[in-house]
Protein backbone atom coordinates (compact mmCIF):
# COMPACT_ATOMS: atom_id res chain seq x y z
CA MET A 1 -29.06 -58.32 -19.10
CA GLY A 2 -27.41 -55.03 -20.04
CA ILE A 3 -25.32 -56.78 -22.70
CA ILE A 4 -28.42 -58.34 -24.26
CA ASP A 5 -30.14 -54.97 -24.29
CA SER A 6 -27.19 -53.16 -25.85
CA GLU A 7 -26.62 -55.90 -28.44
CA SER A 8 -30.30 -55.85 -29.43
CA ASP A 9 -29.98 -52.06 -29.86
CA ARG A 10 -26.86 -52.63 -31.96
CA PHE A 11 -28.66 -55.21 -34.13
CA THR A 12 -31.60 -52.83 -34.55
CA GLY A 13 -29.10 -50.18 -35.65
CA LEU A 14 -27.64 -52.55 -38.25
CA VAL A 15 -31.09 -53.32 -39.62
CA ASP A 16 -31.84 -49.58 -39.73
CA ASP A 17 -28.58 -49.04 -41.62
CA VAL A 18 -29.53 -51.65 -44.24
CA LEU A 19 -32.98 -50.09 -44.63
CA ASP A 20 -31.40 -46.61 -44.91
CA LEU A 21 -29.08 -47.88 -47.62
CA ALA A 22 -32.04 -49.38 -49.51
CA ARG A 23 -33.88 -46.04 -49.29
CA ILE A 24 -30.82 -44.16 -50.54
CA GLU A 25 -30.35 -46.56 -53.45
CA SER A 26 -34.02 -46.26 -54.42
CA GLY A 27 -33.89 -42.44 -54.28
CA GLN A 28 -36.42 -42.20 -51.42
CA THR A 29 -33.97 -40.30 -49.23
CA VAL A 30 -30.72 -38.37 -49.50
CA TRP A 31 -27.29 -39.30 -48.16
CA GLU A 32 -26.51 -37.42 -44.95
CA THR A 33 -23.40 -37.42 -42.82
CA SER A 34 -22.85 -36.23 -39.28
CA GLN A 35 -19.86 -35.71 -37.05
CA VAL A 36 -18.71 -38.55 -34.79
CA ASP A 37 -17.06 -38.12 -31.42
CA LEU A 38 -14.01 -40.37 -31.97
CA PRO A 39 -13.00 -40.67 -28.28
CA GLY A 40 -16.62 -41.55 -27.44
CA ALA A 41 -16.72 -44.16 -30.22
CA ILE A 42 -13.48 -45.70 -28.96
CA GLU A 43 -14.79 -45.77 -25.39
CA ALA A 44 -18.01 -47.45 -26.58
CA ALA A 45 -15.97 -50.09 -28.44
CA ILE A 46 -13.90 -50.78 -25.32
CA ASP A 47 -17.06 -51.04 -23.20
CA LEU A 48 -18.58 -53.42 -25.74
CA THR A 49 -15.58 -55.76 -25.72
CA HIS A 50 -14.75 -55.49 -22.00
CA ALA A 51 -16.36 -58.83 -21.16
CA LEU A 52 -14.10 -60.56 -23.70
CA THR A 53 -10.95 -59.26 -21.99
CA LEU A 54 -11.83 -60.42 -18.46
CA PRO A 55 -11.06 -64.15 -18.82
CA LYS A 56 -7.71 -63.31 -20.43
CA ASN A 57 -6.63 -60.78 -17.76
CA VAL A 58 -6.28 -58.07 -20.40
CA THR A 59 -6.83 -54.44 -19.54
CA VAL A 60 -7.53 -51.86 -22.24
CA LYS A 61 -7.02 -48.23 -21.30
CA ILE A 62 -7.55 -45.08 -23.27
CA GLY A 63 -5.71 -41.85 -22.72
CA PRO A 64 -6.94 -38.29 -22.90
CA GLY A 65 -8.38 -37.34 -26.27
CA ASN A 66 -7.41 -33.70 -26.21
CA GLY A 67 -7.36 -32.28 -29.70
CA VAL A 68 -8.77 -35.39 -31.38
CA PRO A 69 -10.72 -34.16 -34.39
CA ARG A 70 -14.34 -35.05 -35.02
CA LEU A 71 -14.96 -37.24 -38.07
CA ASN A 72 -17.52 -37.00 -40.84
CA PRO A 73 -17.98 -40.68 -41.76
CA THR A 74 -20.65 -42.21 -43.92
CA PRO A 75 -23.86 -42.92 -42.01
CA ILE A 76 -23.45 -46.70 -42.10
CA SER A 77 -19.80 -46.86 -41.04
CA TRP A 78 -20.34 -46.00 -37.36
CA SER A 79 -22.93 -47.04 -34.85
CA LYS A 80 -25.70 -44.45 -34.61
CA ARG A 81 -26.55 -45.45 -31.08
CA PRO A 82 -23.67 -45.22 -28.62
CA ARG A 83 -23.64 -47.92 -26.01
CA THR A 84 -24.51 -46.78 -22.50
CA CYS A 85 -23.95 -48.81 -19.37
């Protein structure tokens, strides 16, 4: 049930991104960027794909992210809602 909930949140985020892009293109809003926690984004991606690795006996591990810089991506290039389990 948690996967369904997180995927519905992800889909809602994608729809929000498309609507944001439409607003930007129409001039109704301005383009804003924000910093992204790269280690957190990587961990969320691993959590999201964990179920796919189980049947194949694959383990994905991440190491310490000391000194990893924060990114300033475009608003639609990263998920706005990090996955929580």
